[in-house]
N, C-alpha and C. Protein backbone atom coordinates (compact mmCIF):
# COMPACT_ATOMS: atom_id res chain seq x y z
N MET A 1 158.19 198.84 75.10
CA MET A 1 159.70 199.18 74.91
C MET A 1 159.94 198.80 73.72
N ILE A 2 160.54 199.56 72.69
CA ILE A 2 160.94 199.26 71.38
C ILE A 2 162.33 199.25 71.30
N LEU A 3 162.98 198.36 71.10
CA LEU A 3 164.62 198.20 71.04
C LEU A 3 165.10 197.98 69.50
N ASP A 4 166.02 198.87 69.04
CA ASP A 4 166.74 198.65 67.75
C ASP A 4 167.58 197.66 67.90
N LEU A 5 167.64 196.79 66.99
CA LEU A 5 168.80 195.57 66.88
C LEU A 5 169.27 195.78 65.48
N PRO A 6 170.19 196.61 65.21
CA PRO A 6 170.66 196.89 63.80
C PRO A 6 171.64 195.66 63.22
N ASP A 7 172.06 195.02 64.35
CA ASP A 7 172.93 193.85 63.79
C ASP A 7 173.17 192.62 64.58
N LEU A 8 173.98 191.35 64.41
CA LEU A 8 173.96 190.43 65.28
C LEU A 8 174.21 190.77 66.59
N ALA A 9 175.27 191.67 66.75
CA ALA A 9 175.86 191.91 68.07
C ALA A 9 174.78 192.30 68.96
N ALA A 10 173.94 193.18 68.49
CA ALA A 10 172.55 193.68 69.12
C ALA A 10 171.90 192.68 69.55
N VAL A 11 171.69 191.88 68.72
CA VAL A 11 170.63 190.68 69.09
C VAL A 11 171.29 189.83 70.37
N GLN A 12 172.52 189.61 70.19
CA GLN A 12 173.44 188.84 71.13
C GLN A 12 173.41 189.64 72.69
N ALA A 13 173.48 190.93 72.53
CA ALA A 13 173.48 191.84 73.84
C ALA A 13 172.07 191.60 74.32
N LEU A 14 171.00 191.56 73.57
CA LEU A 14 169.70 191.37 74.01
C LEU A 14 169.45 189.90 74.81
N GLY A 15 169.93 188.99 74.13
CA GLY A 15 169.92 187.62 74.48
C GLY A 15 170.62 187.55 75.81
N ALA A 16 171.82 188.22 76.01
CA ALA A 16 172.67 188.18 77.21
C ALA A 16 171.94 188.87 78.31
N ARG A 17 171.20 189.91 78.17
CA ARG A 17 170.34 190.74 78.92
C ARG A 17 169.15 189.91 79.48
N ILE A 18 168.63 189.27 78.61
CA ILE A 18 167.61 188.35 78.98
C ILE A 18 167.99 187.26 79.91
N ALA A 19 169.09 186.72 79.60
CA ALA A 19 169.64 185.30 80.02
C ALA A 19 170.14 185.76 81.71
N VAL A 20 170.53 187.01 81.88
CA VAL A 20 170.73 187.32 83.21
C VAL A 20 169.59 187.33 84.42
N HIS A 21 168.40 187.68 83.63
CA HIS A 21 167.26 187.78 84.55
C HIS A 21 166.35 186.46 84.39
N LEU A 22 166.66 185.70 83.75
CA LEU A 22 165.79 184.37 83.49
C LEU A 22 165.82 183.46 84.68
N ARG A 23 164.62 183.11 85.09
CA ARG A 23 164.25 182.37 86.24
C ARG A 23 163.42 181.09 85.73
N ALA A 24 163.46 179.97 86.30
CA ALA A 24 162.62 178.89 86.11
C ALA A 24 161.16 179.26 86.33
N GLY A 25 160.19 178.76 85.45
CA GLY A 25 159.09 179.34 85.40
C GLY A 25 158.77 180.55 84.53
N ASP A 26 159.81 181.24 83.96
CA ASP A 26 159.63 182.23 82.97
C ASP A 26 159.31 181.70 81.56
N VAL A 27 158.89 182.47 80.81
CA VAL A 27 158.40 182.29 79.45
C VAL A 27 159.15 183.35 78.72
N VAL A 28 159.85 183.20 77.54
CA VAL A 28 160.38 184.25 76.79
C VAL A 28 159.46 183.75 75.44
N ALA A 29 158.31 184.61 75.18
CA ALA A 29 157.62 184.57 74.02
C ALA A 29 157.98 185.20 72.71
N LEU A 30 158.70 184.46 71.80
CA LEU A 30 158.91 185.10 70.50
C LEU A 30 158.27 185.22 69.54
N SER A 31 157.62 186.11 69.05
CA SER A 31 156.80 186.29 67.84
C SER A 31 157.34 187.19 66.85
N GLY A 32 156.67 186.94 65.50
CA GLY A 32 157.24 187.55 64.27
C GLY A 32 157.33 186.76 63.16
N PRO A 33 157.17 187.29 62.10
CA PRO A 33 157.32 186.78 60.78
C PRO A 33 158.48 185.87 60.44
N LEU A 34 158.25 185.02 59.65
CA LEU A 34 159.50 184.10 59.24
C LEU A 34 160.76 185.13 58.83
N GLY A 35 161.89 184.69 59.38
CA GLY A 35 162.89 185.43 59.23
C GLY A 35 163.37 186.61 59.87
N SER A 36 162.48 186.85 60.95
CA SER A 36 162.57 188.11 61.86
C SER A 36 163.51 188.13 62.96
N GLY A 37 164.22 186.79 63.21
CA GLY A 37 165.22 186.54 64.01
C GLY A 37 164.96 185.97 65.47
N LYS A 38 163.80 185.21 65.42
CA LYS A 38 163.22 184.54 66.76
C LYS A 38 164.39 183.29 67.09
N THR A 39 164.66 182.51 66.06
CA THR A 39 165.95 181.66 66.49
C THR A 39 167.05 182.18 66.92
N THR A 40 167.33 183.00 66.09
CA THR A 40 168.70 183.90 66.46
C THR A 40 168.73 184.35 67.82
N LEU A 41 167.62 184.99 68.39
CA LEU A 41 167.57 185.30 69.54
C LEU A 41 167.65 184.24 70.66
N ALA A 42 166.69 183.47 70.31
CA ALA A 42 166.73 182.14 71.06
C ALA A 42 168.22 181.77 71.35
N ARG A 43 168.96 181.40 70.47
CA ARG A 43 170.23 180.86 70.20
C ARG A 43 171.13 181.77 71.04
N ALA A 44 170.86 183.21 71.23
CA ALA A 44 171.80 184.26 72.07
C ALA A 44 171.38 183.90 73.54
N ILE A 45 170.30 183.81 73.69
CA ILE A 45 169.92 183.49 75.11
C ILE A 45 170.46 182.18 75.73
N ILE A 46 170.43 181.17 74.83
CA ILE A 46 170.96 179.92 75.32
C ILE A 46 172.54 180.05 75.39
N ALA A 47 173.20 180.61 74.42
CA ALA A 47 174.77 180.80 74.53
C ALA A 47 174.85 181.58 75.84
N ALA A 48 174.22 182.89 75.94
CA ALA A 48 174.51 183.38 77.37
C ALA A 48 174.33 182.96 78.56
N LEU A 49 173.40 181.72 78.49
CA LEU A 49 173.36 180.86 79.74
C LEU A 49 174.36 179.76 79.98
N GLY A 50 175.16 179.70 78.86
CA GLY A 50 176.48 179.04 79.06
C GLY A 50 176.60 177.68 78.16
N HIS A 51 175.48 177.55 77.40
CA HIS A 51 175.62 176.55 76.36
C HIS A 51 176.74 176.50 75.52
N ARG A 52 177.51 175.47 75.29
CA ARG A 52 178.56 175.63 74.23
C ARG A 52 178.28 174.55 73.38
N GLY A 53 178.13 174.85 71.85
CA GLY A 53 177.84 173.92 70.84
C GLY A 53 176.76 174.29 70.08
N GLU A 54 176.26 173.35 69.30
CA GLU A 54 175.18 173.59 68.35
C GLU A 54 173.83 173.96 69.02
N VAL A 55 173.14 174.68 68.59
CA VAL A 55 171.63 174.95 69.04
C VAL A 55 170.81 174.73 67.85
N PRO A 56 170.35 173.55 67.71
CA PRO A 56 169.53 173.43 66.50
C PRO A 56 168.05 173.92 66.63
N SER A 57 167.55 174.29 65.55
CA SER A 57 166.19 175.07 65.71
C SER A 57 165.01 173.73 65.69
N PRO A 58 164.21 174.06 66.82
CA PRO A 58 163.48 172.87 67.00
C PRO A 58 162.16 172.94 66.21
N THR A 59 162.28 173.63 64.91
CA THR A 59 161.20 173.48 64.00
C THR A 59 160.44 172.23 63.82
N PHE A 60 161.44 171.14 63.69
CA PHE A 60 161.03 169.63 63.39
C PHE A 60 160.69 168.86 64.75
N THR A 61 161.62 169.22 65.71
CA THR A 61 161.59 168.39 66.88
C THR A 61 160.43 168.97 67.79
N ILE A 62 160.34 170.18 67.68
CA ILE A 62 159.29 170.96 68.45
C ILE A 62 159.81 171.41 69.70
N VAL A 63 160.50 170.60 70.44
CA VAL A 63 160.90 170.91 71.75
C VAL A 63 162.51 170.41 72.04
N GLU A 64 163.29 171.38 72.42
CA GLU A 64 164.67 170.80 72.81
C GLU A 64 164.88 171.34 74.28
N THR A 65 165.71 170.58 75.05
CA THR A 65 165.98 170.91 76.32
C THR A 65 167.37 171.06 76.47
N TYR A 66 167.71 172.02 77.58
CA TYR A 66 169.05 172.12 77.87
C TYR A 66 169.10 172.21 79.43
N ASP A 67 170.14 171.43 79.65
CA ASP A 67 170.83 171.39 81.15
C ASP A 67 171.52 172.63 81.49
N LEU A 68 170.69 173.66 81.86
CA LEU A 68 171.36 175.03 82.00
C LEU A 68 170.94 175.24 83.40
N GLU A 69 171.42 176.58 83.87
CA GLU A 69 170.80 177.25 84.98
C GLU A 69 170.17 178.67 84.63
N PRO A 70 168.91 178.68 84.63
CA PRO A 70 167.87 177.59 84.93
C PRO A 70 167.76 176.46 83.77
N PRO A 71 167.18 175.37 84.14
CA PRO A 71 167.05 174.42 83.13
C PRO A 71 166.19 175.09 82.23
N LEU A 72 166.33 174.91 80.70
CA LEU A 72 165.89 175.52 79.53
C LEU A 72 165.25 174.68 78.71
N VAL A 73 163.90 175.06 78.37
CA VAL A 73 163.08 174.51 77.12
C VAL A 73 163.04 175.41 75.87
N HIS A 74 163.42 175.10 74.96
CA HIS A 74 163.36 175.78 73.63
C HIS A 74 162.23 175.19 72.77
N ALA A 75 160.94 175.77 72.67
CA ALA A 75 160.16 175.26 71.67
C ALA A 75 159.84 175.99 70.61
N ASP A 76 159.50 175.54 69.35
CA ASP A 76 158.98 176.07 68.18
C ASP A 76 157.95 175.37 67.82
N PHE A 77 156.71 176.51 68.09
CA PHE A 77 155.29 175.85 67.76
C PHE A 77 154.83 176.15 66.30
N TYR A 78 155.73 176.46 65.25
CA TYR A 78 155.09 176.70 64.06
C TYR A 78 154.47 175.63 63.42
N ARG A 79 154.86 174.47 63.35
CA ARG A 79 154.15 173.31 62.89
C ARG A 79 152.87 172.90 63.51
N LEU A 80 152.40 173.32 64.76
CA LEU A 80 151.28 173.18 65.40
C LEU A 80 150.08 173.60 64.62
N GLU A 81 149.14 172.89 64.63
CA GLU A 81 147.83 173.33 63.84
C GLU A 81 146.53 173.79 64.68
N ARG A 82 146.86 173.34 66.24
CA ARG A 82 145.99 173.66 67.04
C ARG A 82 146.72 173.94 68.37
N PRO A 83 146.28 174.87 69.30
CA PRO A 83 146.95 174.91 70.70
C PRO A 83 146.81 173.65 71.49
N ARG A 84 145.89 172.81 71.30
CA ARG A 84 145.73 171.58 72.13
C ARG A 84 146.98 170.77 71.97
N GLU A 85 147.69 170.79 70.69
CA GLU A 85 148.82 169.94 70.55
C GLU A 85 149.88 170.26 71.18
N ALA A 86 150.16 171.35 71.79
CA ALA A 86 151.13 171.78 72.79
C ALA A 86 150.91 170.83 74.17
N GLU A 87 149.57 170.67 74.77
CA GLU A 87 149.45 169.91 75.62
C GLU A 87 149.75 168.47 75.18
N GLU A 88 149.17 168.03 74.22
CA GLU A 88 149.61 166.67 73.95
C GLU A 88 150.94 166.37 73.82
N LEU A 89 151.85 167.07 73.49
CA LEU A 89 153.31 167.07 73.56
C LEU A 89 153.73 166.98 74.88
N GLY A 90 152.87 167.27 75.90
CA GLY A 90 153.57 167.15 77.21
C GLY A 90 154.38 168.29 77.73
N LEU A 91 153.97 169.58 77.02
CA LEU A 91 154.63 170.70 77.39
C LEU A 91 154.65 171.08 78.84
N ASP A 92 153.58 171.08 79.49
CA ASP A 92 153.68 171.12 81.02
C ASP A 92 154.74 170.53 81.75
N ASP A 93 155.06 169.11 81.34
CA ASP A 93 156.01 168.10 81.92
C ASP A 93 157.29 168.83 81.74
N TYR A 94 157.58 169.16 80.41
CA TYR A 94 159.03 169.81 80.16
C TYR A 94 159.03 171.12 80.96
N ARG A 95 158.26 171.88 81.12
CA ARG A 95 158.40 173.18 81.72
C ARG A 95 158.55 173.08 83.18
N GLU A 96 158.13 171.93 83.79
CA GLU A 96 158.45 171.85 85.28
C GLU A 96 159.74 172.19 85.71
N GLY A 97 159.91 173.17 86.47
CA GLY A 97 161.09 173.79 86.94
C GLY A 97 162.11 174.23 85.88
N ALA A 98 161.56 174.65 84.62
CA ALA A 98 162.22 175.18 83.84
C ALA A 98 162.00 176.35 83.04
N ALA A 99 162.78 177.19 82.43
CA ALA A 99 162.30 178.46 81.62
C ALA A 99 161.89 178.00 80.49
N LEU A 100 161.19 178.72 79.71
CA LEU A 100 160.91 178.52 78.26
C LEU A 100 161.14 179.50 77.30
N ILE A 101 161.58 179.11 76.17
CA ILE A 101 161.76 180.10 75.02
C ILE A 101 160.64 179.44 73.99
N ALA A 102 159.69 180.23 73.78
CA ALA A 102 158.70 179.80 72.91
C ALA A 102 158.67 180.51 71.73
N GLU A 103 159.07 180.08 70.39
CA GLU A 103 158.81 180.82 69.09
C GLU A 103 157.32 180.33 68.55
N TRP A 104 156.79 181.25 67.97
CA TRP A 104 155.42 181.17 67.45
C TRP A 104 154.53 180.67 68.76
N PRO A 105 154.59 181.59 69.88
CA PRO A 105 153.72 181.44 70.92
C PRO A 105 152.27 181.29 70.85
N GLU A 106 151.93 181.99 69.65
CA GLU A 106 150.28 181.95 69.58
C GLU A 106 149.68 180.83 68.92
N LYS A 107 150.49 179.92 68.34
CA LYS A 107 150.26 178.73 67.76
C LYS A 107 150.15 177.66 69.04
N ALA A 108 150.43 178.00 70.12
CA ALA A 108 150.26 176.98 71.23
C ALA A 108 149.18 177.70 72.34
N GLY A 109 148.59 178.52 71.74
CA GLY A 109 147.39 179.37 72.77
C GLY A 109 148.15 180.52 73.40
N GLY A 110 149.41 180.71 73.26
CA GLY A 110 149.95 182.22 73.78
C GLY A 110 150.32 182.06 75.26
N PHE A 111 151.08 182.99 75.76
CA PHE A 111 151.58 182.88 77.14
C PHE A 111 151.54 184.06 77.89
N ALA A 112 151.17 185.12 77.24
CA ALA A 112 151.04 186.39 77.62
C ALA A 112 150.29 186.52 78.87
N HIS A 113 149.26 185.88 79.18
CA HIS A 113 148.51 185.87 80.30
C HIS A 113 149.30 185.50 81.63
N GLU A 114 150.65 184.78 81.44
CA GLU A 114 151.57 184.33 82.56
C GLU A 114 152.10 185.48 82.94
N PRO A 115 152.18 185.63 84.35
CA PRO A 115 153.05 186.64 85.00
C PRO A 115 154.39 186.75 84.68
N GLY A 116 155.14 185.42 84.38
CA GLY A 116 156.44 185.40 83.84
C GLY A 116 156.73 185.49 82.71
N CYS A 117 155.71 186.04 81.94
CA CYS A 117 155.94 185.90 80.41
C CYS A 117 156.78 187.35 79.81
N LEU A 118 157.86 187.14 78.97
CA LEU A 118 158.42 188.28 78.42
C LEU A 118 158.02 188.17 77.16
N SER A 119 157.43 188.97 76.66
CA SER A 119 156.80 188.79 75.30
C SER A 119 157.63 189.87 74.55
N ILE A 120 158.13 189.18 73.17
CA ILE A 120 159.04 190.01 72.27
C ILE A 120 158.47 189.76 70.90
N ALA A 121 157.95 190.71 70.41
CA ALA A 121 157.63 190.92 68.92
C ALA A 121 158.76 191.28 68.23
N LEU A 122 159.29 190.39 67.29
CA LEU A 122 160.37 190.78 66.28
C LEU A 122 159.87 191.32 64.89
N GLU A 123 160.40 192.54 64.40
CA GLU A 123 160.06 192.89 63.02
C GLU A 123 161.41 193.14 62.32
N ILE A 124 161.17 192.96 61.11
CA ILE A 124 162.50 193.41 60.30
C ILE A 124 162.43 194.78 59.96
N ALA A 125 163.42 195.42 60.27
CA ALA A 125 163.60 196.80 60.07
C ALA A 125 164.70 197.24 59.20
N GLY A 126 164.72 197.41 57.75
CA GLY A 126 165.83 197.69 57.09
C GLY A 126 166.71 196.46 57.13
N SER A 127 167.95 196.61 57.33
CA SER A 127 168.93 195.50 57.30
C SER A 127 168.92 195.06 58.67
N GLY A 128 168.30 195.55 59.65
CA GLY A 128 168.17 195.04 61.27
C GLY A 128 166.98 194.55 61.46
N ARG A 129 166.66 194.52 62.73
CA ARG A 129 165.55 194.07 63.51
C ARG A 129 165.03 195.12 64.59
N LYS A 130 163.77 195.12 64.95
CA LYS A 130 163.31 195.88 65.85
C LYS A 130 162.54 194.94 66.73
N ALA A 131 162.74 195.11 68.30
CA ALA A 131 162.24 194.29 69.07
C ALA A 131 161.06 195.04 70.10
N ILE A 132 159.78 194.68 70.16
CA ILE A 132 158.70 195.21 71.03
C ILE A 132 158.76 194.37 72.39
N VAL A 133 159.11 194.75 73.28
CA VAL A 133 159.25 193.91 74.45
C VAL A 133 158.12 194.60 75.40
N GLU A 134 157.41 193.23 75.95
CA GLU A 134 156.44 193.64 77.01
C GLU A 134 156.45 192.61 78.12
N PRO A 135 156.96 193.14 79.29
CA PRO A 135 157.41 192.23 80.48
C PRO A 135 156.06 192.10 81.07
N GLY A 136 155.92 190.73 81.43
CA GLY A 136 154.80 190.30 82.45
C GLY A 136 155.04 191.04 83.88
N ALA A 137 154.20 190.68 84.75
CA ALA A 137 154.23 191.43 86.18
C ALA A 137 155.35 190.81 86.84
N ASP A 138 155.83 189.50 86.53
CA ASP A 138 157.00 188.87 87.31
C ASP A 138 158.24 189.53 86.73
N TRP A 139 158.20 190.05 85.63
CA TRP A 139 159.34 190.75 85.07
C TRP A 139 159.74 192.23 85.61
N HIS A 140 158.59 192.68 86.10
CA HIS A 140 158.79 194.22 86.68
C HIS A 140 159.74 194.26 87.91
N GLY A 141 160.72 194.89 87.62
CA GLY A 141 161.83 195.11 88.76
C GLY A 141 163.12 194.19 88.16
N ARG A 142 162.79 193.45 87.35
CA ARG A 142 164.13 192.51 86.74
C ARG A 142 164.35 193.31 85.26
N TRP A 143 163.55 193.74 84.70
CA TRP A 143 163.58 194.15 83.36
C TRP A 143 163.86 195.64 83.37
N PRO A 144 165.04 196.10 82.93
CA PRO A 144 165.22 197.77 83.17
C PRO A 144 164.35 198.47 82.33
């Protein structure tokens, strides 16, 4: 499914749409080039889940956690040099009972093989963005 995201309001609406259906164990895998809107979409999801306040980019911390419903882990794997580093960070421990928003998922070995993965590839399209959404098996019936 390809979605046009012409402006920030459209990105926020997509974030809200994802948040409504997000469950513990899910992964929202955000890929795309620098500046394509991965962190903006992650922030929209986190805000739609009820977080008030700043949502720092986890580019340097790599992992940020949020006490929301469901509990949420926001990870940015851009700085990883090899997928094994995600294990070394204790990613599985962070993910226990939580949903994961993963920026640069390919640098952590990818998550598309997981049934709870909602893969979203973001592309710059003129002054807006385009989202190519591929829901995993667990998202069928949840994702319109």
